[in-house]
Amino acid sequence: MTAPEKMFYKIGEVSRMTGLEAYVLRYWETEFPFLHPRKSAGGQRVYTAQDVDLVLTIKRMLYEQKYTIMGAKQQLRGRARREREQHAPPKQVIGAIKGQLQAILDDLKAFEAPPSPRGGTEATDGARPDSVGA
């Protein structure tokens, strides 16, 4: 089952959609740190569609696939790591960007600001020189 498209769902709605009691959802929040619904201004939990999908995945892992909570956590961490690795740029690209940034930093360090056109006398009281008498 996937969640109907809404921006946010209250815990009661998620409970009805998933067939889980609200106390189970609250408990899973303590066990699965990546399941962290936001709180509304009134302090009520509000789940996104992505949160609901995660709850359904956890439910399927625990109830159908018979994972322990620890096993489900490890599986979900492994999935998240694989997804990050798939979307991460190759190390060569990172190395090239790092080299370019270092060259820019070196150029900035070597850069010296031109002397002031006023002969180096600057106002020290915080007032702009062109605002005098205005």
Protein backbone atom coordinates (compact mmCIF):
# COMPACT_ATOMS: atom_id res chain seq x y z
CA MET A 1 0.00 0.00 0.00
CA THR A 2 1.28 3.48 -0.75
CA ALA A 3 0.15 6.67 0.89
CA PRO A 4 -2.40 8.89 -0.86
CA GLU A 5 -0.87 12.14 -2.01
CA LYS A 6 -1.09 14.73 0.73
CA MET A 7 1.67 16.91 2.12
CA PHE A 8 1.27 15.83 5.73
CA TYR A 9 -0.56 13.14 7.67
CA LYS A 10 -1.46 13.09 11.35
CA ILE A 11 -0.48 10.06 13.41
CA GLY A 12 -4.09 8.83 13.46
CA GLU A 13 -4.24 8.89 9.67
CA VAL A 14 -0.95 7.01 9.42
CA SER A 15 -2.24 4.51 11.98
CA ARG A 16 -5.37 3.85 9.89
CA MET A 17 -3.45 3.68 6.59
CA THR A 18 -0.85 1.24 7.90
CA GLY A 19 -2.96 -0.80 10.30
CA LEU A 20 -0.56 0.00 13.14
CA GLU A 21 -1.44 1.45 16.52
CA ALA A 22 -0.18 4.96 17.26
CA TYR A 23 1.94 3.67 20.15
CA VAL A 24 3.76 1.35 17.70
CA LEU A 25 4.53 4.31 15.45
CA ARG A 26 5.83 6.30 18.41
CA TYR A 27 7.97 3.34 19.51
CA TRP A 28 9.41 2.91 16.02
CA GLU A 29 10.45 6.57 16.09
CA THR A 30 12.69 5.73 19.04
CA GLU A 31 14.12 2.63 17.35
CA PHE A 32 14.57 3.96 13.81
CA PRO A 33 16.31 7.35 13.97
CA PHE A 34 15.63 8.02 10.29
CA LEU A 35 11.88 7.83 11.01
CA HIS A 36 11.46 11.25 12.53
CA PRO A 37 8.15 12.98 11.71
CA ARG A 38 7.99 16.72 12.19
CA LYS A 39 5.92 18.33 14.90
CA SER A 40 3.17 20.82 14.08
CA ALA A 41 2.87 24.15 15.85
CA GLY A 42 0.53 22.41 18.27
CA GLY A 43 3.07 19.66 18.97
CA GLN A 44 1.28 16.97 16.95
CA ARG A 45 3.34 14.56 14.83
CA VAL A 46 2.97 15.13 11.12
CA TYR A 47 4.27 12.53 8.69
CA THR A 48 5.23 13.13 5.06
CA ALA A 49 4.35 10.64 2.33
CA GLN A 50 7.99 9.54 2.45
CA ASP A 51 7.63 8.87 6.20
CA VAL A 52 4.51 6.80 5.55
CA ASP A 53 6.32 4.79 2.87
CA LEU A 54 9.15 4.17 5.34
CA VAL A 55 6.65 3.00 7.98
CA LEU A 56 5.18 0.58 5.44
CA THR A 57 8.65 -0.69 4.56
CA ILE A 58 9.49 -1.23 8.23
CA LYS A 59 6.16 -2.98 8.78
CA ARG A 60 6.79 -5.28 5.81
CA MET A 61 10.32 -6.08 7.05
CA LEU A 62 9.22 -6.82 10.61
CA TYR A 63 5.89 -8.54 10.03
CA GLU A 64 6.23 -10.27 6.65
CA GLN A 65 9.97 -10.80 6.20
CA LYS A 66 10.42 -11.54 9.94
CA TYR A 67 13.41 -9.25 10.48
CA THR A 68 14.26 -8.26 14.03
CA ILE A 69 14.30 -4.53 14.77
CA MET A 70 18.11 -4.63 14.72
CA GLY A 71 18.11 -6.51 11.41
CA ALA A 72 15.65 -4.07 9.85
CA LYS A 73 17.81 -1.14 10.99
CA GLN A 74 20.89 -2.70 9.40
CA GLN A 75 19.05 -3.39 6.15
CA LEU A 76 17.69 0.15 5.96
CA ARG A 77 21.11 1.67 6.75
CA GLY A 78 22.65 -0.50 4.03
CA ARG A 79 20.02 0.62 1.51
CA ALA A 80 20.60 4.28 2.39
CA ARG A 81 24.36 3.86 2.05
CA ARG A 82 24.00 2.17 -1.37
CA GLU A 83 21.68 4.94 -2.57
CA ARG A 84 24.16 7.62 -1.44
CA GLU A 85 27.00 5.81 -3.19
CA GLN A 86 25.00 5.51 -6.42
CA HIS A 87 24.27 9.24 -6.45
CA ALA A 88 27.71 10.37 -5.29
CA PRO A 89 30.06 11.83 -7.89
CA PRO A 90 33.11 9.71 -8.77
CA LYS A 91 36.25 10.29 -6.71
CA GLN A 92 38.06 11.62 -9.79
CA VAL A 93 35.49 14.40 -10.18
CA ILE A 94 35.79 15.31 -6.51
CA GLY A 95 39.58 15.36 -6.82
CA ALA A 96 39.43 17.64 -9.87
CA ILE A 97 37.03 20.04 -8.15
CA LYS A 98 39.21 20.05 -5.05
CA GLY A 99 42.24 20.94 -7.20
CA GLN A 100 40.35 23.79 -8.89
CA LEU A 101 39.19 25.15 -5.54
CA GLN A 102 42.74 24.99 -4.18
CA ALA A 103 44.00 26.93 -7.23
CA ILE A 104 41.34 29.59 -6.67
CA LEU A 105 42.26 29.80 -2.99
CA ASP A 106 45.95 30.19 -3.89
CA ASP A 107 45.06 32.97 -6.35
CA LEU A 108 43.01 34.76 -3.70
CA LYS A 109 45.82 34.54 -1.18
CA ALA A 110 48.27 35.98 -3.71
CA PHE A 111 45.90 38.82 -4.59
CA GLU A 112 46.64 42.15 -2.95
CA ALA A 113 44.01 44.86 -2.87
CA PRO A 114 45.06 48.02 -4.78
CA PRO A 115 45.96 51.01 -2.57
CA SER A 116 43.17 53.38 -1.67
CA PRO A 117 42.76 56.30 -4.14
CA ARG A 118 42.71 58.65 -1.15
CA GLY A 119 46.25 57.89 -0.14
CA GLY A 120 45.40 55.31 2.52
CA THR A 121 43.60 57.55 4.99
CA GLU A 122 40.35 55.93 5.94
CA ALA A 123 37.69 57.11 8.37
CA THR A 124 38.00 55.21 11.63
CA ASP A 125 34.79 56.31 13.33
CA GLY A 126 32.64 54.11 11.12
CA ALA A 127 31.22 57.02 9.07
CA ARG A 128 31.53 56.90 5.31
CA PRO A 129 33.75 59.77 4.01
CA ASP A 130 31.26 60.67 1.27
CA SER A 131 28.46 61.17 3.82
CA VAL A 132 30.16 64.09 5.58
CA GLY A 133 28.01 67.23 5.46
CA ALA A 134 25.03 65.38 4.01
